[in-house]
């Protein structure tokens, strides 16, 4: 058992809200800059392009965070499995004899099988540090868009 359904729902909601708020603020900043410099329409031209880039970055950040949540849930399930298997081995050793050997052997086989998948889950968790960089990139798009808009405005 990994996270409870309530915990998963709360974390998923937080990811959705945080990503949405970050994107909304970045698009708002790009729109305000464009409006201050004579552009009325945020759906087209350079402001529309910037808004699209911000939305794309937000979608990618959200997908990465949800993937990391899934990997963390799998890691918790694995940790709980190992805890249960260690308890099972202890019970098998306490009974001794053939029954104890069979129970302990089953635990060892299960440990080997689960250990084989550990590397894949660990590898999927290496991207967790990149989420902050992606979110800061969303904010950076707004300031980069302001520069692009100024360049576009000066060229036209």
Foldseek 3Di string as FASTA:
>chain_A
DFDDPVVLVVQLVVLVVVLVVLLVVLLVLLQVLCVVVPDDDCCDDLNVVLSVVLVVLSVVLSVLSNLLVVLNRVVRVLVVLLVVLVVQLVVLVVVDDPSSVVSNVVSVVVVVVSVVCVVVSVVSNPCVVVSVVSSVVSNVSSVVSSVVVVVVVVVD
